[in-house]
Amino acid sequence: MIQIEAYCGGVFQTNGYLVTVNEGEKRYLFDAPDKVADWLSSNDIESLDGLILTHQHHDHVVGAGALQEKFPCKTYAFCESSDDLTLAHRLEEVTGLPCSLDEYQIDEFLENQSELSLDGLNLEILHIPGHSPDSLCFRIEGQPVIVAGDVLFRGSIGRTDFPHGDHDALISGIREKLWPLDDELQVLPGHGPPTTIGLEKKTNPYVSE
């Protein structure tokens, strides 16, 4: 049995998702928005079994350092962390806000992997660059759910005007890798409310059929 809870935090209202397997036997977190460690503690969570990153833009990893200190666990991402991926300095220039990052560790790289098998949680990995070169979506096996990061939102898509953004790659990736999935599949995005593959295929103005 799998339970999913959403957390939203930080200036950019970034979503993180806590996946609980077998009534608390195992717990995995997708992405680390600001203060997510405090949220876990406030919900009486005492341990994590893994942190899985959809991509490493600042708002999705700003809580990773504190999380790893408070809840030591293995962390999975497409590749090693770098300022080129987090865009911390770029965000400081654009927003005028301090965008420093606590150091965090990536333990396993998912580049060129199509699946990730964890204890109680099996994931299909879809690499869909365009918003960020390391963007991954994770379909949860046995559940009608895909954690989409900033690839696809309700009525929108991830912005592609950041460094290394590629609008054409994002659109083609969505059409080639997400549209063939079940219309009923629930999409859990990195920002905003959930949606479904079918709804976005019909109504998303960027990629609707």
C-alpha atoms as a PDB file:
ATOM      1  CA  MET A   1       0.000   0.000   0.000  1.00  0.00           C
ATOM      2  CA  ILE A   2       1.343   3.418  -1.015  1.00  0.00           C
ATOM      3  CA  GLN A   3       0.305   6.784   0.409  1.00  0.00           C
ATOM      4  CA  ILE A   4       1.371  10.127  -1.099  1.00  0.00           C
ATOM      5  CA  GLU A   5       1.382  13.463   0.731  1.00  0.00           C
ATOM      6  CA  ALA A   6       2.270  16.819  -0.809  1.00  0.00           C
ATOM      7  CA  TYR A   7       4.316  19.616   0.712  1.00  0.00           C
ATOM      8  CA  CYS A   8       4.589  23.104  -0.798  1.00  0.00           C
ATOM      9  CA  GLY A   9       7.257  25.542   0.340  1.00  0.00           C
ATOM     10  CA  GLY A  10       9.587  28.385  -0.509  1.00  0.00           C
ATOM     11  CA  VAL A  11       9.275  31.606  -2.463  1.00  0.00           C
ATOM     12  CA  PHE A  12       8.416  29.718  -5.650  1.00  0.00           C
ATOM     13  CA  GLN A  13       5.796  27.502  -3.952  1.00  0.00           C
ATOM     14  CA  THR A  14       7.601  24.312  -4.906  1.00  0.00           C
ATOM     15  CA  ASN A  15       5.991  20.921  -4.365  1.00  0.00           C
ATOM     16  CA  GLY A  16       7.653  17.971  -2.682  1.00  0.00           C
ATOM     17  CA  TYR A  17       5.988  14.560  -2.345  1.00  0.00           C
ATOM     18  CA  LEU A  18       6.359  12.108   0.518  1.00  0.00           C
ATOM     19  CA  VAL A  19       5.639   8.519  -0.535  1.00  0.00           C
ATOM     20  CA  THR A  20       4.935   6.160   2.345  1.00  0.00           C
ATOM     21  CA  VAL A  21       5.030   2.418   1.698  1.00  0.00           C
ATOM     22  CA  ASN A  22       3.248  -0.212   3.798  1.00  0.00           C
ATOM     23  CA  GLU A  23       1.984   2.134   6.522  1.00  0.00           C
ATOM     24  CA  GLY A  24       5.329   3.711   7.303  1.00  0.00           C
ATOM     25  CA  GLU A  25       7.629   0.753   6.683  1.00  0.00           C
ATOM     26  CA  LYS A  26       9.521   2.820   4.099  1.00  0.00           C
ATOM     27  CA  ARG A  27       9.408   6.526   3.225  1.00  0.00           C
ATOM     28  CA  TYR A  28      10.745   8.286   0.139  1.00  0.00           C
ATOM     29  CA  LEU A  29      10.718  11.985  -0.662  1.00  0.00           C
ATOM     30  CA  PHE A  30      10.571  13.479  -4.152  1.00  0.00           C
ATOM     31  CA  ASP A  31      12.401  16.835  -4.212  1.00  0.00           C
ATOM     32  CA  ALA A  32      13.495  19.038  -1.318  1.00  0.00           C
ATOM     33  CA  PRO A  33      11.784  22.446  -1.266  1.00  0.00           C
ATOM     34  CA  ASP A  34      12.633  24.990   1.408  1.00  0.00           C
ATOM     35  CA  LYS A  35      11.950  23.833   4.990  1.00  0.00           C
ATOM     36  CA  VAL A  36      10.720  20.385   3.969  1.00  0.00           C
ATOM     37  CA  ALA A  37      12.754  18.861   6.818  1.00  0.00           C
ATOM     38  CA  ASP A  38      10.775  20.957   9.316  1.00  0.00           C
ATOM     39  CA  TRP A  39       7.533  19.774   7.727  1.00  0.00           C
ATOM     40  CA  LEU A  40       8.577  16.139   8.093  1.00  0.00           C
ATOM     41  CA  SER A  41       9.458  16.679  11.743  1.00  0.00           C
ATOM     42  CA  SER A  42       6.149  18.442  12.409  1.00  0.00           C
ATOM     43  CA  ASN A  43       4.410  15.328  11.063  1.00  0.00           C
ATOM     44  CA  ASP A  44       6.364  13.077  13.435  1.00  0.00           C
ATOM     45  CA  ILE A  45       8.491  11.584  10.673  1.00  0.00           C
ATOM     46  CA  GLU A  46      11.711  10.277  12.212  1.00  0.00           C
ATOM     47  CA  SER A  47      13.485   8.767   9.196  1.00  0.00           C
ATOM     48  CA  LEU A  48      13.637   8.709   5.404  1.00  0.00           C
ATOM     49  CA  ASP A  49      14.781   5.896   3.151  1.00  0.00           C
ATOM     50  CA  GLY A  50      15.581   8.019   0.118  1.00  0.00           C
ATOM     51  CA  LEU A  51      15.480  11.453  -1.505  1.00  0.00           C
ATOM     52  CA  ILE A  52      14.711  11.408  -5.243  1.00  0.00           C
ATOM     53  CA  LEU A  53      15.290  14.593  -7.247  1.00  0.00           C
ATOM     54  CA  THR A  54      13.299  15.377 -10.384  1.00  0.00           C
ATOM     55  CA  HIS A  55      15.945  17.991 -11.255  1.00  0.00           C
ATOM     56  CA  GLN A  56      18.358  20.247  -9.428  1.00  0.00           C
ATOM     57  CA  HIS A  57      17.055  23.769  -9.917  1.00  0.00           C
ATOM     58  CA  HIS A  58      17.531  25.812  -6.744  1.00  0.00           C
ATOM     59  CA  ASP A  59      13.929  25.680  -5.524  1.00  0.00           C
ATOM     60  CA  HIS A  60      13.846  21.872  -5.711  1.00  0.00           C
ATOM     61  CA  VAL A  61      17.071  21.305  -3.770  1.00  0.00           C
ATOM     62  CA  VAL A  62      17.282  24.301  -1.411  1.00  0.00           C
ATOM     63  CA  GLY A  63      16.105  22.072   1.443  1.00  0.00           C
ATOM     64  CA  ALA A  64      18.330  19.117   0.568  1.00  0.00           C
ATOM     65  CA  GLY A  65      21.269  20.028   2.797  1.00  0.00           C
ATOM     66  CA  ALA A  66      19.133  20.430   5.918  1.00  0.00           C
ATOM     67  CA  LEU A  67      17.171  17.317   4.998  1.00  0.00           C
ATOM     68  CA  GLN A  68      20.272  15.158   4.688  1.00  0.00           C
ATOM     69  CA  GLU A  69      21.574  16.447   8.013  1.00  0.00           C
ATOM     70  CA  LYS A  70      18.320  15.719   9.827  1.00  0.00           C
ATOM     71  CA  PHE A  71      17.268  12.606   7.917  1.00  0.00           C
ATOM     72  CA  PRO A  72      20.401  10.873   6.574  1.00  0.00           C
ATOM     73  CA  CYS A  73      19.364   8.882   3.513  1.00  0.00           C
ATOM     74  CA  LYS A  74      20.515   7.940   0.040  1.00  0.00           C
ATOM     75  CA  THR A  75      19.898  10.639  -2.597  1.00  0.00           C
ATOM     76  CA  TYR A  76      19.179   9.941  -6.261  1.00  0.00           C
ATOM     77  CA  ALA A  77      19.499  12.391  -9.165  1.00  0.00           C
ATOM     78  CA  PHE A  78      20.269  12.446 -12.869  1.00  0.00           C
ATOM     79  CA  CYS A  79      23.858  13.602 -12.306  1.00  0.00           C
ATOM     80  CA  GLU A  80      26.222  15.373  -9.921  1.00  0.00           C
ATOM     81  CA  SER A  81      25.212  18.728  -8.504  1.00  0.00           C
ATOM     82  CA  SER A  82      26.645  21.958  -9.941  1.00  0.00           C
ATOM     83  CA  ASP A  83      25.863  25.660  -9.966  1.00  0.00           C
ATOM     84  CA  ASP A  84      25.214  25.211 -13.676  1.00  0.00           C
ATOM     85  CA  LEU A  85      22.232  23.023 -12.757  1.00  0.00           C
ATOM     86  CA  THR A  86      20.966  24.702  -9.596  1.00  0.00           C
ATOM     87  CA  LEU A  87      21.137  28.181 -11.203  1.00  0.00           C
ATOM     88  CA  ALA A  88      21.643  29.682  -7.740  1.00  0.00           C
ATOM     89  CA  HIS A  89      23.760  32.594  -8.974  1.00  0.00           C
ATOM     90  CA  ARG A  90      21.434  33.188 -11.930  1.00  0.00           C
ATOM     91  CA  LEU A  91      18.436  33.445  -9.615  1.00  0.00           C
ATOM     92  CA  GLU A  92      20.247  35.910  -7.381  1.00  0.00           C
ATOM     93  CA  GLU A  93      20.913  38.122 -10.404  1.00  0.00           C
ATOM     94  CA  VAL A  94      17.329  37.956 -11.654  1.00  0.00           C
ATOM     95  CA  THR A  95      15.420  38.212  -8.365  1.00  0.00           C
ATOM     96  CA  GLY A  96      17.843  40.182  -6.216  1.00  0.00           C
ATOM     97  CA  LEU A  97      17.187  37.652  -3.462  1.00  0.00           C
ATOM     98  CA  PRO A  98      19.890  35.591  -1.738  1.00  0.00           C
ATOM     99  CA  CYS A  99      19.839  32.092  -3.235  1.00  0.00           C
ATOM    100  CA  SER A 100      22.598  30.322  -1.370  1.00  0.00           C
ATOM    101  CA  LEU A 101      22.549  26.541  -1.063  1.00  0.00           C
ATOM    102  CA  ASP A 102      23.700  24.282   1.731  1.00  0.00           C
ATOM    103  CA  GLU A 103      25.942  21.530   0.410  1.00  0.00           C
ATOM    104  CA  TYR A 104      24.205  18.257  -0.347  1.00  0.00           C
ATOM    105  CA  GLN A 105      25.378  14.870  -1.617  1.00  0.00           C
ATOM    106  CA  ILE A 106      24.184  12.806  -4.584  1.00  0.00           C
ATOM    107  CA  ASP A 107      24.720   9.092  -3.923  1.00  0.00           C
ATOM    108  CA  GLU A 108      23.416   7.475  -7.102  1.00  0.00           C
ATOM    109  CA  PHE A 109      23.212   8.889 -10.624  1.00  0.00           C
ATOM    110  CA  LEU A 110      20.218   7.989 -12.785  1.00  0.00           C
ATOM    111  CA  GLU A 111      21.543   9.081 -16.166  1.00  0.00           C
ATOM    112  CA  ASN A 112      20.871   6.346 -18.743  1.00  0.00           C
ATOM    113  CA  GLN A 113      18.688   4.400 -16.296  1.00  0.00           C
ATOM    114  CA  SER A 114      15.098   3.540 -17.209  1.00  0.00           C
ATOM    115  CA  GLU A 115      14.020   2.229 -13.818  1.00  0.00           C
ATOM    116  CA  LEU A 116      14.812   2.477 -10.139  1.00  0.00           C
ATOM    117  CA  SER A 117      13.941  -0.383  -7.798  1.00  0.00           C
ATOM    118  CA  LEU A 118      13.820   0.544  -4.124  1.00  0.00           C
ATOM    119  CA  ASP A 119      12.526  -1.399  -1.167  1.00  0.00           C
ATOM    120  CA  GLY A 120       8.765  -1.288  -1.647  1.00  0.00           C
ATOM    121  CA  LEU A 121       8.865   1.280  -4.456  1.00  0.00           C
ATOM    122  CA  ASN A 122       9.532   0.602  -8.133  1.00  0.00           C
ATOM    123  CA  LEU A 123       9.860   3.541 -10.512  1.00  0.00           C
ATOM    124  CA  GLU A 124       9.957   3.949 -14.285  1.00  0.00           C
ATOM    125  CA  ILE A 125      12.326   6.807 -15.150  1.00  0.00           C
ATOM    126  CA  LEU A 126      11.578   9.142 -18.067  1.00  0.00           C
ATOM    127  CA  HIS A 127      14.296  11.640 -18.979  1.00  0.00           C
ATOM    128  CA  ILE A 128      12.601  14.691 -20.517  1.00  0.00           C
ATOM    129  CA  PRO A 129      15.042  17.613 -20.833  1.00  0.00           C
ATOM    130  CA  GLY A 130      14.093  21.095 -21.950  1.00  0.00           C
ATOM    131  CA  HIS A 131      13.205  22.838 -18.712  1.00  0.00           C
ATOM    132  CA  SER A 132      16.486  21.583 -17.305  1.00  0.00           C
ATOM    133  CA  PRO A 133      18.948  19.153 -18.889  1.00  0.00           C
ATOM    134  CA  ASP A 134      18.573  16.781 -15.923  1.00  0.00           C
ATOM    135  CA  SER A 135      14.750  16.737 -15.729  1.00  0.00           C
ATOM    136  CA  LEU A 136      13.281  13.352 -14.822  1.00  0.00           C
ATOM    137  CA  CYS A 137       9.723  12.090 -14.429  1.00  0.00           C
ATOM    138  CA  PHE A 138       9.026   9.058 -12.230  1.00  0.00           C
ATOM    139  CA  ARG A 139       6.054   6.762 -12.856  1.00  0.00           C
ATOM    140  CA  ILE A 140       5.194   4.796  -9.724  1.00  0.00           C
ATOM    141  CA  GLU A 141       4.657   1.136 -10.558  1.00  0.00           C
ATOM    142  CA  GLY A 142       1.292  -0.202  -9.457  1.00  0.00           C
ATOM    143  CA  GLN A 143      -0.114   3.287  -8.899  1.00  0.00           C
ATOM    144  CA  PRO A 144      -1.857   5.601 -11.404  1.00  0.00           C
ATOM    145  CA  VAL A 145       0.663   8.349 -10.620  1.00  0.00           C
ATOM    146  CA  ILE A 146       3.667  10.048 -12.219  1.00  0.00           C
ATOM    147  CA  VAL A 147       5.850  12.593 -10.398  1.00  0.00           C
ATOM    148  CA  ALA A 148       6.594  15.072 -13.175  1.00  0.00           C
ATOM    149  CA  GLY A 149       8.812  17.751 -11.640  1.00  0.00           C
ATOM    150  CA  ASP A 150       8.733  20.889 -13.793  1.00  0.00           C
ATOM    151  CA  VAL A 151       8.116  19.090 -17.085  1.00  0.00           C
ATOM    152  CA  LEU A 152       4.317  19.359 -17.156  1.00  0.00           C
ATOM    153  CA  PHE A 153       1.860  21.451 -15.118  1.00  0.00           C
ATOM    154  CA  ARG A 154      -1.903  21.863 -15.159  1.00  0.00           C
ATOM    155  CA  GLY A 155      -2.413  24.037 -18.218  1.00  0.00           C
ATOM    156  CA  SER A 156       1.277  24.780 -18.686  1.00  0.00           C
ATOM    157  CA  ILE A 157       4.793  23.408 -19.064  1.00  0.00           C
ATOM    158  CA  GLY A 158       8.163  24.141 -17.493  1.00  0.00           C
ATOM    159  CA  ARG A 159       9.717  27.417 -18.598  1.00  0.00           C
ATOM    160  CA  THR A 160      12.565  27.090 -21.071  1.00  0.00           C
ATOM    161  CA  ASP A 161      14.164  30.546 -20.912  1.00  0.00           C
ATOM    162  CA  PHE A 162      16.695  29.492 -18.276  1.00  0.00           C
ATOM    163  CA  PRO A 163      20.277  28.611 -19.268  1.00  0.00           C
ATOM    164  CA  HIS A 164      20.290  25.230 -21.066  1.00  0.00           C
ATOM    165  CA  GLY A 165      16.536  25.468 -21.684  1.00  0.00           C
ATOM    166  CA  ASP A 166      15.233  23.937 -24.910  1.00  0.00           C
ATOM    167  CA  HIS A 167      11.587  24.521 -25.783  1.00  0.00           C
ATOM    168  CA  ASP A 168      11.504  22.116 -28.736  1.00  0.00           C
ATOM    169  CA  ALA A 169      13.121  19.325 -26.713  1.00  0.00           C
ATOM    170  CA  LEU A 170      10.576  19.763 -23.919  1.00  0.00           C
ATOM    171  CA  ILE A 171       7.576  19.705 -26.258  1.00  0.00           C
ATOM    172  CA  SER A 172       8.825  16.655 -28.161  1.00  0.00           C
ATOM    173  CA  GLY A 173       9.695  14.862 -24.907  1.00  0.00           C
ATOM    174  CA  ILE A 174       6.207  15.409 -23.508  1.00  0.00           C
ATOM    175  CA  ARG A 175       4.561  14.203 -26.706  1.00  0.00           C
ATOM    176  CA  GLU A 176       6.827  11.197 -27.170  1.00  0.00           C
ATOM    177  CA  LYS A 177       7.111  10.000 -23.555  1.00  0.00           C
ATOM    178  CA  LEU A 178       4.091  11.271 -21.609  1.00  0.00           C
ATOM    179  CA  TRP A 179       1.255  11.306 -24.148  1.00  0.00           C
ATOM    180  CA  PRO A 180       1.409   7.515 -24.761  1.00  0.00           C
ATOM    181  CA  LEU A 181       0.686   6.920 -21.047  1.00  0.00           C
ATOM    182  CA  ASP A 182      -2.835   6.255 -19.736  1.00  0.00           C
ATOM    183  CA  ASP A 183      -5.139   9.259 -19.880  1.00  0.00           C
ATOM    184  CA  GLU A 184      -6.197   8.565 -16.278  1.00  0.00           C
ATOM    185  CA  LEU A 185      -2.611   8.767 -14.998  1.00  0.00           C
ATOM    186  CA  GLN A 186      -2.381  11.449 -12.317  1.00  0.00           C
ATOM    187  CA  VAL A 187       0.408  13.976 -12.823  1.00  0.00           C
ATOM    188  CA  LEU A 188       2.032  15.384  -9.667  1.00  0.00           C
ATOM    189  CA  PRO A 189       3.856  18.549 -10.806  1.00  0.00           C
ATOM    190  CA  GLY A 190       6.633  20.556  -9.209  1.00  0.00           C
ATOM    191  CA  HIS A 191       4.329  23.570  -8.892  1.00  0.00           C
ATOM    192  CA  GLY A 192       0.568  23.936  -8.705  1.00  0.00           C
ATOM    193  CA  PRO A 193      -2.231  21.374  -8.426  1.00  0.00           C
ATOM    194  CA  PRO A 194      -2.302  17.824  -9.802  1.00  0.00           C
ATOM    195  CA  THR A 195      -3.679  17.060 -13.229  1.00  0.00           C
ATOM    196  CA  THR A 196      -3.997  14.052 -15.531  1.00  0.00           C
ATOM    197  CA  ILE A 197      -2.377  13.042 -18.800  1.00  0.00           C
ATOM    198  CA  GLY A 198      -5.775  12.996 -20.525  1.00  0.00           C
ATOM    199  CA  LEU A 199      -6.742  16.480 -19.380  1.00  0.00           C
ATOM    200  CA  GLU A 200      -3.449  17.970 -20.540  1.00  0.00           C
ATOM    201  CA  LYS A 201      -3.606  16.219 -23.905  1.00  0.00           C
ATOM    202  CA  LYS A 202      -6.976  17.854 -24.500  1.00  0.00           C
ATOM    203  CA  THR A 203      -6.565  21.285 -22.960  1.00  0.00           C
ATOM    204  CA  ASN A 204      -2.917  22.263 -22.418  1.00  0.00           C
ATOM    205  CA  PRO A 205      -2.369  25.177 -24.825  1.00  0.00           C
ATOM    206  CA  TYR A 206       1.344  24.374 -25.252  1.00  0.00           C
ATOM    207  CA  VAL A 207       1.042  20.710 -26.205  1.00  0.00           C
ATOM    208  CA  SER A 208      -2.646  19.817 -26.588  1.00  0.00           C
ATOM    209  CA  GLU A 209      -3.564  17.601 -29.513  1.00  0.00           C
END
